[in-house]
C-alpha atoms as a PDB file:
ATOM      1  CA  MET A   1      72.522-121.596 155.514  1.00  0.00           C
ATOM      2  CA  PRO A   2      73.807-120.908 152.036  1.00  0.00           C
ATOM      3  CA  PHE A   3      73.424-117.648 150.998  1.00  0.00           C
ATOM      4  CA  SER A   4      72.596-117.803 147.229  1.00  0.00           C
ATOM      5  CA  THR A   5      69.327-117.784 144.204  1.00  0.00           C
ATOM      6  CA  PRO A   6      68.565-120.407 142.436  1.00  0.00           C
ATOM      7  CA  GLU A   7      70.172-121.089 139.698  1.00  0.00           C
ATOM      8  CA  ASP A   8      67.654-120.819 137.027  1.00  0.00           C
ATOM      9  CA  SER A   9      66.881-117.022 138.463  1.00  0.00           C
ATOM     10  CA  THR A  10      69.708-115.376 138.234  1.00  0.00           C
ATOM     11  CA  ARG A  11      71.636-117.750 134.742  1.00  0.00           C
ATOM     12  CA  LEU A  12      71.492-114.475 131.674  1.00  0.00           C
ATOM     13  CA  THR A  13      70.078-116.821 128.553  1.00  0.00           C
ATOM     14  CA  ALA A  14      71.356-116.795 125.256  1.00  0.00           C
ATOM     15  CA  ALA A  15      68.465-115.115 124.665  1.00  0.00           C
ATOM     16  CA  GLN A  16      69.269-111.864 127.317  1.00  0.00           C
ATOM     17  CA  ARG A  17      72.251-112.006 126.524  1.00  0.00           C
ATOM     18  CA  THR A  18      71.936-110.930 123.129  1.00  0.00           C
ATOM     19  CA  ALA A  19      69.184-108.661 123.916  1.00  0.00           C
ATOM     20  CA  THR A  20      68.397-105.565 121.909  1.00  0.00           C
ATOM     21  CA  LYS A  21      71.395-102.920 122.498  1.00  0.00           C
ATOM     22  CA  ILE A  22      72.120 -99.029 122.014  1.00  0.00           C
ATOM     23  CA  ALA A  23      75.086 -96.772 121.940  1.00  0.00           C
ATOM     24  CA  ALA A  24      75.671 -96.672 125.666  1.00  0.00           C
ATOM     25  CA  PRO A  25      76.114 -92.623 126.401  1.00  0.00           C
ATOM     26  CA  HIS A  26      73.594 -93.013 130.072  1.00  0.00           C
ATOM     27  CA  LEU A  27      74.201 -95.134 132.422  1.00  0.00           C
ATOM     28  CA  LEU A  28      70.082 -96.371 132.840  1.00  0.00           C
ATOM     29  CA  GLN A  29      67.412 -94.547 130.022  1.00  0.00           C
ATOM     30  CA  SER A  30      63.774 -95.816 130.071  1.00  0.00           C
ATOM     31  CA  VAL A  31      61.967 -95.595 127.178  1.00  0.00           C
ATOM     32  CA  ASN A  32      57.981 -95.370 126.793  1.00  0.00           C
ATOM     33  CA  LEU A  33      58.043 -96.714 129.466  1.00  0.00           C
ATOM     34  CA  CYS A  34      54.540 -98.037 131.325  1.00  0.00           C
ATOM     35  CA  LYS A  35      52.817 -99.969 133.961  1.00  0.00           C
ATOM     36  CA  HIS A  36      49.151-100.524 134.277  1.00  0.00           C
ATOM     37  CA  PHE A  37      46.820-101.985 137.105  1.00  0.00           C
ATOM     38  CA  ALA A  38      43.947-102.823 135.919  1.00  0.00           C
ATOM     39  CA  GLY A  39      43.161 -99.906 133.761  1.00  0.00           C
ATOM     40  CA  VAL A  40      45.131 -97.318 136.117  1.00  0.00           C
ATOM     41  CA  ARG A  41      48.033 -96.353 134.249  1.00  0.00           C
ATOM     42  CA  ALA A  42      50.914 -96.325 137.336  1.00  0.00           C
ATOM     43  CA  ASN A  43      53.722 -95.099 134.678  1.00  0.00           C
ATOM     44  CA  ASN A  44      52.731 -93.292 131.422  1.00  0.00           C
ATOM     45  CA  SER A  45      55.171 -93.635 128.213  1.00  0.00           C
ATOM     46  CA  VAL A  46      58.156 -92.248 131.485  1.00  0.00           C
ATOM     47  CA  ASN A  47      61.471 -91.390 129.840  1.00  0.00           C
ATOM     48  CA  ILE A  48      64.120 -90.535 132.349  1.00  0.00           C
ATOM     49  CA  THR A  49      67.601 -90.618 131.685  1.00  0.00           C
ATOM     50  CA  ILE A  50      70.207 -91.485 134.155  1.00  0.00           C
ATOM     51  CA  GLN A  51      73.746 -89.916 133.964  1.00  0.00           C
ATOM     52  CA  LYS A  52      76.815 -91.765 135.393  1.00  0.00           C
ATOM     53  CA  GLY A  53      77.902 -90.514 138.446  1.00  0.00           C
ATOM     54  CA  GLU A  54      74.912 -88.032 139.698  1.00  0.00           C
ATOM     55  CA  ILE A  55      72.000 -88.463 142.456  1.00  0.00           C
ATOM     56  CA  HIS A  56      68.746 -88.426 140.250  1.00  0.00           C
ATOM     57  CA  ALA A  57      65.923 -87.513 142.566  1.00  0.00           C
ATOM     58  CA  ILE A  58      62.083 -88.897 141.787  1.00  0.00           C
ATOM     59  CA  ILE A  59      59.579 -86.556 143.525  1.00  0.00           C
ATOM     60  CA  GLY A  60      55.897 -85.838 142.893  1.00  0.00           C
ATOM     61  CA  PRO A  61      52.899 -86.275 144.592  1.00  0.00           C
ATOM     62  CA  ASN A  62      51.400 -89.476 147.072  1.00  0.00           C
ATOM     63  CA  GLY A  63      50.393 -91.418 143.994  1.00  0.00           C
ATOM     64  CA  ALA A  64      52.804 -90.300 141.097  1.00  0.00           C
ATOM     65  CA  GLY A  65      54.286 -93.248 140.226  1.00  0.00           C
ATOM     66  CA  LYS A  66      57.684 -93.294 142.199  1.00  0.00           C
ATOM     67  CA  THR A  67      57.771 -96.624 143.230  1.00  0.00           C
ATOM     68  CA  THR A  68      56.806 -97.700 140.967  1.00  0.00           C
ATOM     69  CA  PHE A  69      59.518 -96.383 138.227  1.00  0.00           C
ATOM     70  CA  ILE A  70      61.790 -97.453 141.082  1.00  0.00           C
ATOM     71  CA  ASN A  71      60.177-101.380 140.814  1.00  0.00           C
ATOM     72  CA  LEU A  72      60.555-101.565 137.658  1.00  0.00           C
ATOM     73  CA  ILE A  73      64.034-101.475 136.918  1.00  0.00           C
ATOM     74  CA  SER A  74      64.887-102.862 139.698  1.00  0.00           C
ATOM     75  CA  GLY A  75      63.212-105.745 138.048  1.00  0.00           C
ATOM     76  CA  ASP A  76      60.098-106.395 141.298  1.00  0.00           C
ATOM     77  CA  LEU A  77      58.256-105.171 138.260  1.00  0.00           C
ATOM     78  CA  SER A  78      57.789-106.286 134.969  1.00  0.00           C
ATOM     79  CA  PRO A  79      57.062-103.821 132.712  1.00  0.00           C
ATOM     80  CA  SER A  80      53.050-103.200 130.454  1.00  0.00           C
ATOM     81  CA  GLU A  81      54.983-101.479 127.954  1.00  0.00           C
ATOM     82  CA  GLY A  82      58.701-100.213 127.079  1.00  0.00           C
ATOM     83  CA  GLN A  83      61.654-100.596 127.929  1.00  0.00           C
ATOM     84  CA  ILE A  84      64.493 -99.913 130.008  1.00  0.00           C
ATOM     85  CA  PHE A  85      68.508 -99.682 129.970  1.00  0.00           C
ATOM     86  CA  PHE A  86      71.286-100.597 131.378  1.00  0.00           C
ATOM     87  CA  ASN A  87      74.789 -99.586 130.404  1.00  0.00           C
ATOM     88  CA  GLY A  88      73.139 -99.760 126.733  1.00  0.00           C
ATOM     89  CA  GLU A  89      71.766-103.357 126.488  1.00  0.00           C
ATOM     90  CA  ASP A  90      68.443-103.886 127.321  1.00  0.00           C
ATOM     91  CA  ILE A  91      67.609-105.419 130.572  1.00  0.00           C
ATOM     92  CA  SER A  92      63.799-105.396 130.674  1.00  0.00           C
ATOM     93  CA  PRO A  93      63.429-109.381 130.344  1.00  0.00           C
ATOM     94  CA  LEU A  94      65.659-109.612 133.545  1.00  0.00           C
ATOM     95  CA  ASN A  95      64.451-110.584 136.493  1.00  0.00           C
ATOM     96  CA  THR A  96      66.304-109.264 139.822  1.00  0.00           C
ATOM     97  CA  ALA A  97      68.301-111.370 140.834  1.00  0.00           C
ATOM     98  CA  GLN A  98      69.732-110.868 137.083  1.00  0.00           C
ATOM     99  CA  ARG A  99      69.803-107.269 137.474  1.00  0.00           C
ATOM    100  CA  ASN A 100      71.595-107.591 140.858  1.00  0.00           C
ATOM    101  CA  LEU A 101      74.695-109.278 139.434  1.00  0.00           C
ATOM    102  CA  ILE A 102      74.664-106.719 136.192  1.00  0.00           C
ATOM    103  CA  GLY A 103      75.065-104.075 139.061  1.00  0.00           C
ATOM    104  CA  ILE A 104      71.385-102.611 140.177  1.00  0.00           C
ATOM    105  CA  SER A 105      70.555-102.744 144.200  1.00  0.00           C
ATOM    106  CA  ARG A 106      67.925-101.751 145.416  1.00  0.00           C
ATOM    107  CA  SER A 107      66.869-100.052 149.352  1.00  0.00           C
ATOM    108  CA  TYR A 108      63.449-100.517 149.952  1.00  0.00           C
ATOM    109  CA  GLN A 109      60.621 -97.929 152.621  1.00  0.00           C
ATOM    110  CA  ILE A 110      60.418-101.172 155.141  1.00  0.00           C
ATOM    111  CA  ASN A 111      63.577-102.832 156.721  1.00  0.00           C
ATOM    112  CA  ASN A 112      65.015-105.562 154.685  1.00  0.00           C
ATOM    113  CA  VAL A 113      67.488-107.394 157.304  1.00  0.00           C
ATOM    114  CA  PHE A 114      68.482-110.262 159.348  1.00  0.00           C
ATOM    115  CA  ASP A 115      67.060-109.652 163.125  1.00  0.00           C
ATOM    116  CA  GLU A 116      68.262-112.656 164.097  1.00  0.00           C
ATOM    117  CA  LEU A 117      71.812-112.342 162.509  1.00  0.00           C
ATOM    118  CA  SER A 118      74.443-110.162 163.447  1.00  0.00           C
ATOM    119  CA  VAL A 119      75.454-107.024 161.849  1.00  0.00           C
ATOM    120  CA  LEU A 120      78.375-108.397 160.316  1.00  0.00           C
ATOM    121  CA  ASP A 121      77.208-111.466 159.109  1.00  0.00           C
ATOM    122  CA  ASN A 122      74.366-110.046 157.146  1.00  0.00           C
ATOM    123  CA  VAL A 123      76.821-107.838 155.270  1.00  0.00           C
ATOM    124  CA  MET A 124      78.717-110.490 155.033  1.00  0.00           C
ATOM    125  CA  LEU A 125      75.712-112.826 152.747  1.00  0.00           C
ATOM    126  CA  VAL A 126      75.429-110.330 151.126  1.00  0.00           C
ATOM    127  CA  VAL A 127      79.450-110.337 150.174  1.00  0.00           C
ATOM    128  CA  GLN A 128      79.351-114.098 149.938  1.00  0.00           C
ATOM    129  CA  ALA A 129      76.292-114.324 147.523  1.00  0.00           C
ATOM    130  CA  LYS A 130      78.134-111.045 145.625  1.00  0.00           C
ATOM    131  CA  GLN A 131      81.331-113.886 144.781  1.00  0.00           C
ATOM    132  CA  ARG A 132      79.549-117.317 144.577  1.00  0.00           C
ATOM    133  CA  PRO A 133      80.194-120.283 143.695  1.00  0.00           C
ATOM    134  CA  HIS A 134      83.635-119.831 145.713  1.00  0.00           C
ATOM    135  CA  PHE A 135      81.074-119.865 148.741  1.00  0.00           C
ATOM    136  CA  GLY A 136      79.128-123.325 149.048  1.00  0.00           C
ATOM    137  CA  PHE A 137      77.810-123.474 152.745  1.00  0.00           C
ATOM    138  CA  TRP A 138      77.546-120.519 155.176  1.00  0.00           C
ATOM    139  CA  LYS A 139      78.857-122.862 157.749  1.00  0.00           C
ATOM    140  CA  SER A 140      82.124-122.834 156.180  1.00  0.00           C
ATOM    141  CA  ALA A 141      81.925-119.814 154.848  1.00  0.00           C
ATOM    142  CA  ASN A 142      81.220-117.287 158.132  1.00  0.00           C
ATOM    143  CA  GLN A 143      84.893-118.277 159.273  1.00  0.00           C
ATOM    144  CA  ASP A 144      86.532-117.033 155.616  1.00  0.00           C
ATOM    145  CA  PRO A 145      88.925-113.536 154.834  1.00  0.00           C
ATOM    146  CA  ARG A 146      87.673-113.675 151.746  1.00  0.00           C
ATOM    147  CA  LEU A 147      84.023-112.765 153.117  1.00  0.00           C
ATOM    148  CA  ILE A 148      84.847-110.885 156.506  1.00  0.00           C
ATOM    149  CA  GLU A 149      87.113-108.723 155.248  1.00  0.00           C
ATOM    150  CA  PRO A 150      85.224-106.965 152.609  1.00  0.00           C
ATOM    151  CA  ALA A 151      82.499-106.785 155.271  1.00  0.00           C
ATOM    152  CA  ILE A 152      85.001-105.419 158.010  1.00  0.00           C
ATOM    153  CA  GLN A 153      85.907-102.654 155.371  1.00  0.00           C
ATOM    154  CA  LEU A 154      81.640-101.799 154.462  1.00  0.00           C
ATOM    155  CA  LEU A 155      80.969-101.196 158.082  1.00  0.00           C
ATOM    156  CA  GLU A 156      84.109 -99.036 158.853  1.00  0.00           C
ATOM    157  CA  GLN A 157      82.703 -96.671 155.270  1.00  0.00           C
ATOM    158  CA  THR A 158      78.698 -96.388 156.698  1.00  0.00           C
ATOM    159  CA  GLY A 159      79.394 -96.051 160.196  1.00  0.00           C
ATOM    160  CA  LEU A 160      78.446 -98.890 161.814  1.00  0.00           C
ATOM    161  CA  ILE A 161      81.845-100.986 162.340  1.00  0.00           C
ATOM    162  CA  GLU A 162      81.789-100.916 166.441  1.00  0.00           C
ATOM    163  CA  LYS A 163      78.371-102.988 166.350  1.00  0.00           C
ATOM    164  CA  GLN A 164      79.719-104.993 164.201  1.00  0.00           C
ATOM    165  CA  HIS A 165      78.641-108.344 166.407  1.00  0.00           C
ATOM    166  CA  TYR A 166      75.638-106.882 167.860  1.00  0.00           C
ATOM    167  CA  GLY A 167      72.267-108.658 166.671  1.00  0.00           C
ATOM    168  CA  ALA A 168      70.419-106.289 163.938  1.00  0.00           C
ATOM    169  CA  ASN A 169      67.358-106.454 166.099  1.00  0.00           C
ATOM    170  CA  GLN A 170      69.407-104.731 168.614  1.00  0.00           C
ATOM    171  CA  LEU A 171      70.584-101.733 166.266  1.00  0.00           C
ATOM    172  CA  SER A 172      68.260 -98.725 165.962  1.00  0.00           C
ATOM    173  CA  TYR A 173      65.505 -97.554 163.256  1.00  0.00           C
ATOM    174  CA  GLY A 174      68.071 -95.523 162.374  1.00  0.00           C
ATOM    175  CA  GLU A 175      70.981 -97.880 161.504  1.00  0.00           C
ATOM    176  CA  GLN A 176      68.748-100.586 160.391  1.00  0.00           C
ATOM    177  CA  ARG A 177      68.552 -98.368 157.879  1.00  0.00           C
ATOM    178  CA  ILE A 178      71.477 -97.536 157.638  1.00  0.00           C
ATOM    179  CA  LEU A 179      72.538-100.634 157.237  1.00  0.00           C
ATOM    180  CA  GLU A 180      71.010-101.375 154.537  1.00  0.00           C
ATOM    181  CA  LEU A 181      72.586 -99.313 153.340  1.00  0.00           C
ATOM    182  CA  THR A 182      75.573-101.049 153.908  1.00  0.00           C
ATOM    183  CA  LEU A 183      73.815-103.989 152.519  1.00  0.00           C
ATOM    184  CA  ALA A 184      72.835-102.521 149.220  1.00  0.00           C
ATOM    185  CA  ILE A 185      76.738-101.431 148.308  1.00  0.00           C
ATOM    186  CA  ALA A 186      78.008-104.617 149.365  1.00  0.00           C
ATOM    187  CA  SER A 187      76.482-106.129 145.847  1.00  0.00           C
ATOM    188  CA  GLN A 188      78.833-103.319 144.342  1.00  0.00           C
ATOM    189  CA  PRO A 189      76.726-102.139 142.846  1.00  0.00           C
ATOM    190  CA  GLU A 190      76.755 -99.305 140.256  1.00  0.00           C
ATOM    191  CA  LEU A 191      73.085 -97.858 140.255  1.00  0.00           C
ATOM    192  CA  LEU A 192      71.135 -97.768 143.786  1.00  0.00           C
ATOM    193  CA  LEU A 193      67.619 -97.449 143.587  1.00  0.00           C
ATOM    194  CA  LEU A 194      67.305 -95.758 147.255  1.00  0.00           C
ATOM    195  CA  ASP A 195      63.613 -95.157 147.969  1.00  0.00           C
ATOM    196  CA  GLU A 196      62.372 -93.469 151.286  1.00  0.00           C
ATOM    197  CA  PRO A 197      65.932 -94.157 153.015  1.00  0.00           C
ATOM    198  CA  MET A 198      65.164 -91.161 155.329  1.00  0.00           C
ATOM    199  CA  ALA A 199      61.847 -91.734 156.106  1.00  0.00           C
ATOM    200  CA  GLY A 200      60.789 -92.487 159.692  1.00  0.00           C
ATOM    201  CA  ILE A 201      64.433 -91.983 161.712  1.00  0.00           C
ATOM    202  CA  SER A 202      65.445 -89.277 163.485  1.00  0.00           C
ATOM    203  CA  GLN A 203      67.602 -85.950 162.255  1.00  0.00           C
ATOM    204  CA  GLU A 204      70.858 -87.330 163.541  1.00  0.00           C
ATOM    205  CA  ASN A 205      70.579 -89.898 161.027  1.00  0.00           C
ATOM    206  CA  SER A 206      68.644 -87.827 158.808  1.00  0.00           C
ATOM    207  CA  GLY A 207      72.296 -86.255 158.059  1.00  0.00           C
ATOM    208  CA  LEU A 208      74.377 -89.076 158.689  1.00  0.00           C
ATOM    209  CA  ILE A 209      72.281 -90.868 156.592  1.00  0.00           C
ATOM    210  CA  LYS A 210      72.672 -87.597 153.690  1.00  0.00           C
ATOM    211  CA  ALA A 211      76.607 -87.491 154.437  1.00  0.00           C
ATOM    212  CA  LEU A 212      76.416 -90.955 153.392  1.00  0.00           C
ATOM    213  CA  LEU A 213      74.730 -90.548 150.341  1.00  0.00           C
ATOM    214  CA  THR A 214      77.112 -87.661 149.002  1.00  0.00           C
ATOM    215  CA  SER A 215      79.617 -90.256 149.683  1.00  0.00           C
ATOM    216  CA  PHE A 216      79.024 -92.377 147.453  1.00  0.00           C
ATOM    217  CA  LYS A 217      78.093 -90.662 144.811  1.00  0.00           C
ATOM    218  CA  LYS A 218      81.802 -90.889 144.101  1.00  0.00           C
ATOM    219  CA  GLU A 219      81.203 -94.439 143.526  1.00  0.00           C
ATOM    220  CA  TYR A 220      77.504 -94.958 142.544  1.00  0.00           C
ATOM    221  CA  SER A 221      75.093 -93.499 140.587  1.00  0.00           C
ATOM    222  CA  ILE A 222      72.054 -92.864 143.138  1.00  0.00           C
ATOM    223  CA  ILE A 223      67.887 -92.927 141.473  1.00  0.00           C
ATOM    224  CA  LEU A 224      66.245 -91.529 145.120  1.00  0.00           C
ATOM    225  CA  ILE A 225      63.360 -91.071 146.981  1.00  0.00           C
ATOM    226  CA  GLU A 226      62.754 -88.584 149.176  1.00  0.00           C
ATOM    227  CA  HIS A 227      60.524 -86.760 151.037  1.00  0.00           C
ATOM    228  CA  ASP A 228      62.180 -84.074 152.785  1.00  0.00           C
ATOM    229  CA  MET A 229      62.622 -81.641 149.990  1.00  0.00           C
ATOM    230  CA  ASP A 230      65.037 -80.033 152.087  1.00  0.00           C
ATOM    231  CA  ILE A 231      68.286 -82.798 151.662  1.00  0.00           C
ATOM    232  CA  LEU A 232      66.191 -83.894 148.523  1.00  0.00           C
ATOM    233  CA  PHE A 233      67.430 -80.603 146.840  1.00  0.00           C
ATOM    234  CA  ASP A 234      71.122 -80.509 148.149  1.00  0.00           C
ATOM    235  CA  LEU A 235      71.712 -83.948 146.969  1.00  0.00           C
ATOM    236  CA  ALA A 236      70.431 -84.323 144.105  1.00  0.00           C
ATOM    237  CA  ASP A 237      72.332 -83.374 140.514  1.00  0.00           C
ATOM    238  CA  THR A 238      68.541 -83.755 138.387  1.00  0.00           C
ATOM    239  CA  ILE A 239      65.268 -83.703 139.637  1.00  0.00           C
ATOM    240  CA  THR A 240      62.318 -85.386 138.190  1.00  0.00           C
ATOM    241  CA  VAL A 241      59.016 -84.841 138.114  1.00  0.00           C
ATOM    242  CA  MET A 242      55.860 -87.355 137.789  1.00  0.00           C
ATOM    243  CA  VAL A 243      52.094 -86.588 138.184  1.00  0.00           C
ATOM    244  CA  GLU A 244      49.840 -89.161 137.599  1.00  0.00           C
ATOM    245  CA  GLY A 245      52.332 -91.940 136.350  1.00  0.00           C
ATOM    246  CA  GLU A 246      53.592 -89.579 133.538  1.00  0.00           C
ATOM    247  CA  VAL A 247      57.137 -87.570 133.787  1.00  0.00           C
ATOM    248  CA  ILE A 248      56.156 -83.438 133.643  1.00  0.00           C
ATOM    249  CA  ALA A 249      59.582 -81.898 134.058  1.00  0.00           C
ATOM    250  CA  SER A 250      63.281 -82.836 135.024  1.00  0.00           C
ATOM    251  CA  GLY A 251      66.544 -80.830 135.641  1.00  0.00           C
ATOM    252  CA  THR A 252      68.232 -78.868 138.362  1.00  0.00           C
ATOM    253  CA  PRO A 253      66.508 -78.109 141.336  1.00  0.00           C
ATOM    254  CA  ALA A 254      67.004 -74.819 140.530  1.00  0.00           C
ATOM    255  CA  ILE A 255      65.148 -74.732 137.431  1.00  0.00           C
ATOM    256  CA  ILE A 256      62.668 -77.215 139.017  1.00  0.00           C
ATOM    257  CA  GLN A 257      62.506 -74.768 141.870  1.00  0.00           C
ATOM    258  CA  GLN A 258      60.944 -72.176 139.286  1.00  0.00           C
ATOM    259  CA  ASP A 259      58.817 -75.027 136.568  1.00  0.00           C
ATOM    260  CA  PRO A 260      55.422 -73.553 136.215  1.00  0.00           C
ATOM    261  CA  ALA A 261      54.378 -77.013 135.771  1.00  0.00           C
ATOM    262  CA  VAL A 262      55.460 -78.256 139.587  1.00  0.00           C
ATOM    263  CA  GLN A 263      54.837 -75.316 141.565  1.00  0.00           C
ATOM    264  CA  LYS A 264      50.995 -76.115 140.405  1.00  0.00           C
ATOM    265  CA  ALA A 265      51.340 -80.295 141.100  1.00  0.00           C
ATOM    266  CA  TYR A 266      52.133 -79.300 144.154  1.00  0.00           C
ATOM    267  CA  LEU A 267      49.666 -76.201 145.351  1.00  0.00           C
ATOM    268  CA  GLY A 268      47.350 -75.711 142.513  1.00  0.00           C
ATOM    269  CA  ASN A 269      48.241 -71.520 141.503  1.00  0.00           C
ATOM    270  CA  GLU A 270      50.109 -71.174 144.624  1.00  0.00           C
ATOM    271  CA  GLU A 271      54.050 -70.251 144.633  1.00  0.00           C
ATOM    272  CA  VAL A 272      55.799 -73.661 146.415  1.00  0.00           C
ATOM    273  CA  VAL A 273      58.606 -72.767 148.178  1.00  0.00           C
ATOM    274  CA  PHE A 274      60.642 -76.620 147.714  1.00  0.00           C
ATOM    275  CA  ARG A 275      63.489 -74.576 150.815  1.00  0.00           C
END
């Protein structure tokens, strides 16, 4: 079965190709971004700027609007108000598949792999989707070196090469999370959206993913949601703090650690140590 997205969901219309543009000193910029659910403002006038080559972490208490923001950037949700600019172009009208084609890729809080396929086949499917329309049918394409070679390179990069012929359902939970990261970079994105990539995994695999994210920084910009504050403060170049759908602070880890508004948001008037 071919792994492809229907043409009507990925083709950019003339209106979308000529959408509003701004000067692009940043990779991504949200401008007064809002999302309302039945009167609840899950995101309220969120202005966040992502620089090229940075890991930008989003933190905040449960219900702060972090995942909603990721969903708005990925195209899984449409904004109620506001705009999203990527490389200077307004991508607000684009759907998820179209955003993936222009360089935005994400992983989810739950595994998003094909359990019935091998590790290698999972990666090859994403490579095939990126290279379409050169490949029409999986039956004839899955022996093509144009798919196999980049897939092998990706598995070597993420440390899963020895498991390439395993079924995805034979991997440990932590290995499946690493496979999902491999799938996310297989589409050759500029921007990775990672929603709790270390949730529920062992300390050993958590360390492996931390090392991978550090290496990814050389090639991709990353928006990261993660509850492990120690790892997050080690990885992030910039941290944005959200509370009740709004940004209350943004800056380097050192600045965020000392910000009184952040301290209050997490533990009232008590001082919180993030390390």
